[in-house]
Amino acid sequence: MRNSLQFRPMAITLLVILAVSYVLCIAGDLLFGWTMYEVWKPLLPGFAWPLTTGGFLIGLLWLIGYSLYIPALIVFPYNYLTHRQAV
């Protein structure tokens, strides 16, 4: 029996987790004066504080990119290595 990971469900799951975290952090910054924007600024080039619509959308675009990149780093090598061992 060969276990394999699927790219699409992992990418969608990661996108949902990152997007929800992003929105909650920004809401916390705006409502409660948190400083979570300092975490997002180095991770999301183009994201700016004080928050603008463009900066927010650029942040979401980067999160989409990360949610495709990270599963690619995990799923494809894992599937390749487990397939190799099974043969």
PDB file of N, CA and C in Angstrom:
ATOM      1  N   MET A   1       0.841  -1.182   0.000  1.00  0.00           N
ATOM      2  CA  MET A   1       0.000   0.000   0.000  1.00  0.00           C
ATOM      3  C   MET A   1       0.886   1.245   0.000  1.00  0.00           C
ATOM      4  N   ARG A   2       0.631   2.117  -0.909  1.00  0.00           N
ATOM      5  CA  ARG A   2       1.428   3.338  -1.053  1.00  0.00           C
ATOM      6  C   ARG A   2       0.649   4.522  -0.509  1.00  0.00           C
ATOM      7  N   ASN A   3       1.231   5.180   0.461  1.00  0.00           N
ATOM      8  CA  ASN A   3       0.640   6.403   0.985  1.00  0.00           C
ATOM      9  C   ASN A   3       1.232   7.577   0.238  1.00  0.00           C
ATOM     10  N   SER A   4       0.377   8.450  -0.229  1.00  0.00           N
ATOM     11  CA  SER A   4       0.882   9.637  -0.904  1.00  0.00           C
ATOM     12  C   SER A   4       0.106  10.856  -0.410  1.00  0.00           C
ATOM     13  N   LEU A   5       0.780  11.966  -0.459  1.00  0.00           N
ATOM     14  CA  LEU A   5       0.148  13.227  -0.101  1.00  0.00           C
ATOM     15  C   LEU A   5      -0.401  13.868  -1.358  1.00  0.00           C
ATOM     16  N   GLN A   6      -1.478  14.600  -1.207  1.00  0.00           N
ATOM     17  CA  GLN A   6      -2.057  15.307  -2.344  1.00  0.00           C
ATOM     18  C   GLN A   6      -1.766  16.796  -2.202  1.00  0.00           C
ATOM     19  N   PHE A   7      -1.326  17.375  -3.290  1.00  0.00           N
ATOM     20  CA  PHE A   7      -0.906  18.771  -3.291  1.00  0.00           C
ATOM     21  C   PHE A   7      -2.073  19.724  -3.036  1.00  0.00           C
ATOM     22  N   ARG A   8      -3.149  19.554  -3.774  1.00  0.00           N
ATOM     23  CA  ARG A   8      -4.254  20.513  -3.724  1.00  0.00           C
ATOM     24  C   ARG A   8      -4.877  20.656  -2.334  1.00  0.00           C
ATOM     25  N   PRO A   9      -5.251  19.550  -1.654  1.00  0.00           N
ATOM     26  CA  PRO A   9      -5.823  19.731  -0.315  1.00  0.00           C
ATOM     27  C   PRO A   9      -4.855  20.380   0.671  1.00  0.00           C
ATOM     28  N   MET A  10      -3.574  20.041   0.556  1.00  0.00           N
ATOM     29  CA  MET A  10      -2.597  20.641   1.463  1.00  0.00           C
ATOM     30  C   MET A  10      -2.453  22.140   1.185  1.00  0.00           C
ATOM     31  N   ALA A  11      -2.437  22.526  -0.080  1.00  0.00           N
ATOM     32  CA  ALA A  11      -2.306  23.937  -0.433  1.00  0.00           C
ATOM     33  C   ALA A  11      -3.530  24.732   0.026  1.00  0.00           C
ATOM     34  N   ILE A  12      -4.717  24.167  -0.166  1.00  0.00           N
ATOM     35  CA  ILE A  12      -5.938  24.868   0.249  1.00  0.00           C
ATOM     36  C   ILE A  12      -5.992  24.999   1.767  1.00  0.00           C
ATOM     37  N   THR A  13      -5.622  23.935   2.464  1.00  0.00           N
ATOM     38  CA  THR A  13      -5.612  23.975   3.925  1.00  0.00           C
ATOM     39  C   THR A  13      -4.646  25.032   4.432  1.00  0.00           C
ATOM     40  N   LEU A  14      -3.461  25.060   3.867  1.00  0.00           N
ATOM     41  CA  LEU A  14      -2.470  26.043   4.286  1.00  0.00           C
ATOM     42  C   LEU A  14      -2.933  27.464   3.966  1.00  0.00           C
ATOM     43  N   LEU A  15      -3.559  27.662   2.821  1.00  0.00           N
ATOM     44  CA  LEU A  15      -4.071  28.992   2.470  1.00  0.00           C
ATOM     45  C   LEU A  15      -5.121  29.456   3.475  1.00  0.00           C
ATOM     46  N   VAL A  16      -6.031  28.576   3.846  1.00  0.00           N
ATOM     47  CA  VAL A  16      -7.073  28.947   4.812  1.00  0.00           C
ATOM     48  C   VAL A  16      -6.441  29.306   6.152  1.00  0.00           C
ATOM     49  N   ILE A  17      -5.492  28.488   6.611  1.00  0.00           N
ATOM     50  CA  ILE A  17      -4.835  28.758   7.897  1.00  0.00           C
ATOM     51  C   ILE A  17      -4.103  30.097   7.861  1.00  0.00           C
ATOM     52  N   LEU A  18      -3.343  30.336   6.807  1.00  0.00           N
ATOM     53  CA  LEU A  18      -2.588  31.586   6.712  1.00  0.00           C
ATOM     54  C   LEU A  18      -3.507  32.801   6.569  1.00  0.00           C
ATOM     55  N   ALA A  19      -4.547  32.686   5.750  1.00  0.00           N
ATOM     56  CA  ALA A  19      -5.455  33.818   5.542  1.00  0.00           C
ATOM     57  C   ALA A  19      -6.214  34.163   6.823  1.00  0.00           C
ATOM     58  N   VAL A  20      -6.686  33.147   7.535  1.00  0.00           N
ATOM     59  CA  VAL A  20      -7.405  33.403   8.788  1.00  0.00           C
ATOM     60  C   VAL A  20      -6.461  34.042   9.808  1.00  0.00           C
ATOM     61  N   SER A  21      -5.237  33.522   9.909  1.00  0.00           N
ATOM     62  CA  SER A  21      -4.266  34.096  10.843  1.00  0.00           C
ATOM     63  C   SER A  21      -3.955  35.544  10.484  1.00  0.00           C
ATOM     64  N   TYR A  22      -3.782  35.804   9.195  1.00  0.00           N
ATOM     65  CA  TYR A  22      -3.481  37.149   8.701  1.00  0.00           C
ATOM     66  C   TYR A  22      -4.597  38.133   9.063  1.00  0.00           C
ATOM     67  N   VAL A  23      -5.838  37.741   8.780  1.00  0.00           N
ATOM     68  CA  VAL A  23      -6.979  38.620   9.056  1.00  0.00           C
ATOM     69  C   VAL A  23      -7.147  38.825  10.561  1.00  0.00           C
ATOM     70  N   LEU A  24      -6.998  37.768  11.350  1.00  0.00           N
ATOM     71  CA  LEU A  24      -7.127  37.912  12.803  1.00  0.00           C
ATOM     72  C   LEU A  24      -6.033  38.807  13.386  1.00  0.00           C
ATOM     73  N   CYS A  25      -4.809  38.667  12.882  1.00  0.00           N
ATOM     74  CA  CYS A  25      -3.716  39.513  13.365  1.00  0.00           C
ATOM     75  C   CYS A  25      -3.963  40.978  13.015  1.00  0.00           C
ATOM     76  N   ILE A  26      -4.425  41.235  11.805  1.00  0.00           N
ATOM     77  CA  ILE A  26      -4.689  42.617  11.403  1.00  0.00           C
ATOM     78  C   ILE A  26      -5.859  43.189  12.196  1.00  0.00           C
ATOM     79  N   ALA A  27      -6.885  42.369  12.421  1.00  0.00           N
ATOM     80  CA  ALA A  27      -8.008  42.830  13.236  1.00  0.00           C
ATOM     81  C   ALA A  27      -7.538  43.139  14.650  1.00  0.00           C
ATOM     82  N   GLY A  28      -6.681  42.300  15.198  1.00  0.00           N
ATOM     83  CA  GLY A  28      -6.135  42.561  16.529  1.00  0.00           C
ATOM     84  C   GLY A  28      -5.313  43.832  16.569  1.00  0.00           C
ATOM     85  N   ASP A  29      -4.549  44.065  15.504  1.00  0.00           N
ATOM     86  CA  ASP A  29      -3.770  45.302  15.428  1.00  0.00           C
ATOM     87  C   ASP A  29      -4.679  46.526  15.421  1.00  0.00           C
ATOM     88  N   LEU A  30      -5.721  46.468  14.624  1.00  0.00           N
ATOM     89  CA  LEU A  30      -6.612  47.619  14.491  1.00  0.00           C
ATOM     90  C   LEU A  30      -7.497  47.821  15.719  1.00  0.00           C
ATOM     91  N   LEU A  31      -7.983  46.737  16.304  1.00  0.00           N
ATOM     92  CA  LEU A  31      -8.942  46.850  17.405  1.00  0.00           C
ATOM     93  C   LEU A  31      -8.295  46.956  18.780  1.00  0.00           C
ATOM     94  N   PHE A  32      -7.193  46.233  18.973  1.00  0.00           N
ATOM     95  CA  PHE A  32      -6.608  46.132  20.307  1.00  0.00           C
ATOM     96  C   PHE A  32      -5.209  46.719  20.429  1.00  0.00           C
ATOM     97  N   GLY A  33      -4.673  47.236  19.345  1.00  0.00           N
ATOM     98  CA  GLY A  33      -3.358  47.850  19.394  1.00  0.00           C
ATOM     99  C   GLY A  33      -2.207  46.856  19.453  1.00  0.00           C
ATOM    100  N   TRP A  34      -2.457  45.605  19.030  1.00  0.00           N
ATOM    101  CA  TRP A  34      -1.373  44.629  18.977  1.00  0.00           C
ATOM    102  C   TRP A  34      -0.333  45.119  17.981  1.00  0.00           C
ATOM    103  N   THR A  35       0.809  44.491  17.960  1.00  0.00           N
ATOM    104  CA  THR A  35       1.849  44.863  16.989  1.00  0.00           C
ATOM    105  C   THR A  35       2.221  43.683  16.103  1.00  0.00           C
ATOM    106  N   MET A  36       1.238  42.904  15.707  1.00  0.00           N
ATOM    107  CA  MET A  36       1.493  41.742  14.852  1.00  0.00           C
ATOM    108  C   MET A  36       1.928  42.159  13.443  1.00  0.00           C
ATOM    109  N   TYR A  37       1.622  43.385  13.055  1.00  0.00           N
ATOM    110  CA  TYR A  37       2.045  43.840  11.734  1.00  0.00           C
ATOM    111  C   TYR A  37       3.564  43.797  11.598  1.00  0.00           C
ATOM    112  N   GLU A  38       4.282  43.885  12.705  1.00  0.00           N
ATOM    113  CA  GLU A  38       5.741  43.801  12.645  1.00  0.00           C
ATOM    114  C   GLU A  38       6.205  42.420  12.206  1.00  0.00           C
ATOM    115  N   VAL A  39       5.403  41.397  12.443  1.00  0.00           N
ATOM    116  CA  VAL A  39       5.730  40.050  11.989  1.00  0.00           C
ATOM    117  C   VAL A  39       5.467  39.932  10.485  1.00  0.00           C
ATOM    118  N   TRP A  40       4.380  40.514  10.023  1.00  0.00           N
ATOM    119  CA  TRP A  40       3.999  40.371   8.621  1.00  0.00           C
ATOM    120  C   TRP A  40       4.880  41.199   7.682  1.00  0.00           C
ATOM    121  N   LYS A  41       5.371  42.345   8.146  1.00  0.00           N
ATOM    122  CA  LYS A  41       6.145  43.233   7.256  1.00  0.00           C
ATOM    123  C   LYS A  41       7.354  42.547   6.619  1.00  0.00           C
ATOM    124  N   PRO A  42       8.208  41.829   7.356  1.00  0.00           N
ATOM    125  CA  PRO A  42       9.343  41.197   6.680  1.00  0.00           C
ATOM    126  C   PRO A  42       8.954  39.963   5.855  1.00  0.00           C
ATOM    127  N   LEU A  43       7.827  39.340   6.176  1.00  0.00           N
ATOM    128  CA  LEU A  43       7.413  38.133   5.459  1.00  0.00           C
ATOM    129  C   LEU A  43       6.654  38.428   4.171  1.00  0.00           C
ATOM    130  N   LEU A  44       6.038  39.600   4.101  1.00  0.00           N
ATOM    131  CA  LEU A  44       5.186  39.941   2.964  1.00  0.00           C
ATOM    132  C   LEU A  44       5.647  41.248   2.331  1.00  0.00           C
ATOM    133  N   PRO A  45       6.590  41.194   1.393  1.00  0.00           N
ATOM    134  CA  PRO A  45       7.047  42.426   0.746  1.00  0.00           C
ATOM    135  C   PRO A  45       5.881  43.169   0.088  1.00  0.00           C
ATOM    136  N   GLY A  46       5.823  44.443   0.323  1.00  0.00           N
ATOM    137  CA  GLY A  46       4.729  45.258  -0.203  1.00  0.00           C
ATOM    138  C   GLY A  46       3.660  45.542   0.831  1.00  0.00           C
ATOM    139  N   PHE A  47       3.626  44.740   1.888  1.00  0.00           N
ATOM    140  CA  PHE A  47       2.690  44.994   2.987  1.00  0.00           C
ATOM    141  C   PHE A  47       3.185  46.212   3.745  1.00  0.00           C
ATOM    142  N   ALA A  48       2.281  47.127   4.035  1.00  0.00           N
ATOM    143  CA  ALA A  48       2.681  48.369   4.704  1.00  0.00           C
ATOM    144  C   ALA A  48       1.753  48.650   5.877  1.00  0.00           C
ATOM    145  N   TRP A  49       2.316  49.274   6.869  1.00  0.00           N
ATOM    146  CA  TRP A  49       1.524  49.739   8.017  1.00  0.00           C
ATOM    147  C   TRP A  49       1.774  51.204   8.193  1.00  0.00           C
ATOM    148  N   PRO A  50       0.822  52.094   8.310  1.00  0.00           N
ATOM    149  CA  PRO A  50      -0.589  51.841   8.514  1.00  0.00           C
ATOM    150  C   PRO A  50      -1.220  51.152   7.312  1.00  0.00           C
ATOM    151  N   LEU A  51      -2.226  50.382   7.604  1.00  0.00           N
ATOM    152  CA  LEU A  51      -2.836  49.491   6.628  1.00  0.00           C
ATOM    153  C   LEU A  51      -3.512  50.267   5.499  1.00  0.00           C
ATOM    154  N   THR A  52      -3.245  49.805   4.286  1.00  0.00           N
ATOM    155  CA  THR A  52      -3.933  50.317   3.101  1.00  0.00           C
ATOM    156  C   THR A  52      -4.573  49.131   2.390  1.00  0.00           C
ATOM    157  N   THR A  53      -5.513  49.411   1.527  1.00  0.00           N
ATOM    158  CA  THR A  53      -6.163  48.332   0.783  1.00  0.00           C
ATOM    159  C   THR A  53      -5.150  47.595  -0.080  1.00  0.00           C
ATOM    160  N   GLY A  54      -4.291  48.355  -0.743  1.00  0.00           N
ATOM    161  CA  GLY A  54      -3.275  47.738  -1.592  1.00  0.00           C
ATOM    162  C   GLY A  54      -2.313  46.869  -0.793  1.00  0.00           C
ATOM    163  N   GLY A  55      -1.875  47.362   0.348  1.00  0.00           N
ATOM    164  CA  GLY A  55      -0.969  46.590   1.191  1.00  0.00           C
ATOM    165  C   GLY A  55      -1.613  45.315   1.704  1.00  0.00           C
ATOM    166  N   PHE A  56      -2.889  45.402   2.063  1.00  0.00           N
ATOM    167  CA  PHE A  56      -3.621  44.226   2.527  1.00  0.00           C
ATOM    168  C   PHE A  56      -3.726  43.185   1.424  1.00  0.00           C
ATOM    169  N   LEU A  57      -4.074  43.622   0.207  1.00  0.00           N
ATOM    170  CA  LEU A  57      -4.217  42.685  -0.913  1.00  0.00           C
ATOM    171  C   LEU A  57      -2.879  42.087  -1.331  1.00  0.00           C
ATOM    172  N   ILE A  58      -1.821  42.879  -1.300  1.00  0.00           N
ATOM    173  CA  ILE A  58      -0.490  42.335  -1.603  1.00  0.00           C
ATOM    174  C   ILE A  58      -0.122  41.263  -0.580  1.00  0.00           C
ATOM    175  N   GLY A  59      -0.451  41.501   0.680  1.00  0.00           N
ATOM    176  CA  GLY A  59      -0.220  40.495   1.708  1.00  0.00           C
ATOM    177  C   GLY A  59      -0.956  39.202   1.401  1.00  0.00           C
ATOM    178  N   LEU A  60      -2.209  39.305   0.961  1.00  0.00           N
ATOM    179  CA  LEU A  60      -2.965  38.103   0.600  1.00  0.00           C
ATOM    180  C   LEU A  60      -2.356  37.391  -0.606  1.00  0.00           C
ATOM    181  N   LEU A  61      -1.857  38.149  -1.572  1.00  0.00           N
ATOM    182  CA  LEU A  61      -1.196  37.523  -2.724  1.00  0.00           C
ATOM    183  C   LEU A  61       0.050  36.753  -2.304  1.00  0.00           C
ATOM    184  N   TRP A  62       0.821  37.318  -1.397  1.00  0.00           N
ATOM    185  CA  TRP A  62       2.001  36.610  -0.891  1.00  0.00           C
ATOM    186  C   TRP A  62       1.588  35.341  -0.156  1.00  0.00           C
ATOM    187  N   LEU A  63       0.498  35.401   0.584  1.00  0.00           N
ATOM    188  CA  LEU A  63       0.034  34.209   1.286  1.00  0.00           C
ATOM    189  C   LEU A  63      -0.398  33.120   0.314  1.00  0.00           C
ATOM    190  N   ILE A  64      -0.989  33.499  -0.794  1.00  0.00           N
ATOM    191  CA  ILE A  64      -1.331  32.515  -1.831  1.00  0.00           C
ATOM    192  C   ILE A  64      -0.055  31.875  -2.368  1.00  0.00           C
ATOM    193  N   GLY A  65       0.949  32.697  -2.626  1.00  0.00           N
ATOM    194  CA  GLY A  65       2.221  32.156  -3.102  1.00  0.00           C
ATOM    195  C   GLY A  65       2.860  31.207  -2.103  1.00  0.00           C
ATOM    196  N   TYR A  66       2.865  31.592  -0.826  1.00  0.00           N
ATOM    197  CA  TYR A  66       3.428  30.722   0.206  1.00  0.00           C
ATOM    198  C   TYR A  66       2.627  29.431   0.327  1.00  0.00           C
ATOM    199  N   SER A  67       1.305  29.522   0.168  1.00  0.00           N
ATOM    200  CA  SER A  67       0.483  28.323   0.304  1.00  0.00           C
ATOM    201  C   SER A  67       0.645  27.374  -0.888  1.00  0.00           C
ATOM    202  N   LEU A  68       1.244  27.825  -1.957  1.00  0.00           N
ATOM    203  CA  LEU A  68       1.594  26.935  -3.075  1.00  0.00           C
ATOM    204  C   LEU A  68       3.032  26.436  -2.956  1.00  0.00           C
ATOM    205  N   TYR A  69       3.908  27.275  -2.470  1.00  0.00           N
ATOM    206  CA  TYR A  69       5.334  26.948  -2.377  1.00  0.00           C
ATOM    207  C   TYR A  69       5.620  25.910  -1.286  1.00  0.00           C
ATOM    208  N   ILE A  70       5.068  26.113  -0.104  1.00  0.00           N
ATOM    209  CA  ILE A  70       5.368  25.229   1.022  1.00  0.00           C
ATOM    210  C   ILE A  70       4.878  23.798   0.765  1.00  0.00           C
ATOM    211  N   PRO A  71       3.643  23.586   0.300  1.00  0.00           N
ATOM    212  CA  PRO A  71       3.246  22.205   0.003  1.00  0.00           C
ATOM    213  C   PRO A  71       4.083  21.578  -1.112  1.00  0.00           C
ATOM    214  N   ALA A  72       4.533  22.385  -2.072  1.00  0.00           N
ATOM    215  CA  ALA A  72       5.393  21.837  -3.131  1.00  0.00           C
ATOM    216  C   ALA A  72       6.695  21.317  -2.545  1.00  0.00           C
ATOM    217  N   LEU A  73       7.220  22.005  -1.531  1.00  0.00           N
ATOM    218  CA  LEU A  73       8.448  21.552  -0.881  1.00  0.00           C
ATOM    219  C   LEU A  73       8.244  20.269  -0.093  1.00  0.00           C
ATOM    220  N   ILE A  74       7.016  20.006   0.326  1.00  0.00           N
ATOM    221  CA  ILE A  74       6.737  18.832   1.144  1.00  0.00           C
ATOM    222  C   ILE A  74       6.179  17.677   0.316  1.00  0.00           C
ATOM    223  N   VAL A  75       5.144  17.934  -0.466  1.00  0.00           N
ATOM    224  CA  VAL A  75       4.394  16.874  -1.137  1.00  0.00           C
ATOM    225  C   VAL A  75       5.223  16.159  -2.202  1.00  0.00           C
ATOM    226  N   PHE A  76       5.843  16.889  -3.109  1.00  0.00           N
ATOM    227  CA  PHE A  76       6.522  16.243  -4.231  1.00  0.00           C
ATOM    228  C   PHE A  76       7.729  15.411  -3.790  1.00  0.00           C
ATOM    229  N   PRO A  77       8.599  15.928  -2.929  1.00  0.00           N
ATOM    230  CA  PRO A  77       9.690  15.053  -2.467  1.00  0.00           C
ATOM    231  C   PRO A  77       9.182  13.858  -1.656  1.00  0.00           C
ATOM    232  N   TYR A  78       8.176  14.069  -0.821  1.00  0.00           N
ATOM    233  CA  TYR A  78       7.634  12.965  -0.033  1.00  0.00           C
ATOM    234  C   TYR A  78       7.087  11.870  -0.939  1.00  0.00           C
ATOM    235  N   ASN A  79       6.266  12.241  -1.908  1.00  0.00           N
ATOM    236  CA  ASN A  79       5.696  11.258  -2.818  1.00  0.00           C
ATOM    237  C   ASN A  79       6.782  10.552  -3.626  1.00  0.00           C
ATOM    238  N   TYR A  80       7.776  11.286  -4.054  1.00  0.00           N
ATOM    239  CA  TYR A  80       8.877  10.684  -4.815  1.00  0.00           C
ATOM    240  C   TYR A  80       9.636   9.673  -3.957  1.00  0.00           C
ATOM    241  N   LEU A  81       9.980  10.065  -2.740  1.00  0.00           N
ATOM    242  CA  LEU A  81      10.767   9.183  -1.878  1.00  0.00           C
ATOM    243  C   LEU A  81       9.967   7.963  -1.421  1.00  0.00           C
ATOM    244  N   THR A  82       8.696   8.127  -1.116  1.00  0.00           N
ATOM    245  CA  THR A  82       7.911   6.962  -0.702  1.00  0.00           C
ATOM    246  C   THR A  82       7.639   6.033  -1.879  1.00  0.00           C
ATOM    247  N   HIS A  83       7.501   6.568  -3.065  1.00  0.00           N
ATOM    248  CA  HIS A  83       7.317   5.735  -4.244  1.00  0.00           C
ATOM    249  C   HIS A  83       8.597   4.951  -4.544  1.00  0.00           C
ATOM    250  N   ARG A  84       9.734   5.605  -4.387  1.00  0.00           N
ATOM    251  CA  ARG A  84      11.024   4.943  -4.624  1.00  0.00           C
ATOM    252  C   ARG A  84      11.250   3.786  -3.671  1.00  0.00           C
ATOM    253  N   GLN A  85      10.878   3.970  -2.420  1.00  0.00           N
ATOM    254  CA  GLN A  85      11.076   2.918  -1.432  1.00  0.00           C
ATOM    255  C   GLN A  85      10.133   1.738  -1.665  1.00  0.00           C
ATOM    256  N   ALA A  86       8.942   2.007  -2.213  1.00  0.00           N
ATOM    257  CA  ALA A  86       7.968   0.946  -2.438  1.00  0.00           C
ATOM    258  C   ALA A  86       8.348   0.074  -3.626  1.00  0.00           C
ATOM    259  N   VAL A  87       9.109   0.595  -4.543  1.00  0.00           N
ATOM    260  CA  VAL A  87       9.467  -0.163  -5.762  1.00  0.00           C
ATOM    261  C   VAL A  87      10.607  -1.076  -5.525  1.00  0.00           C
TER     262      VAL A  87
END
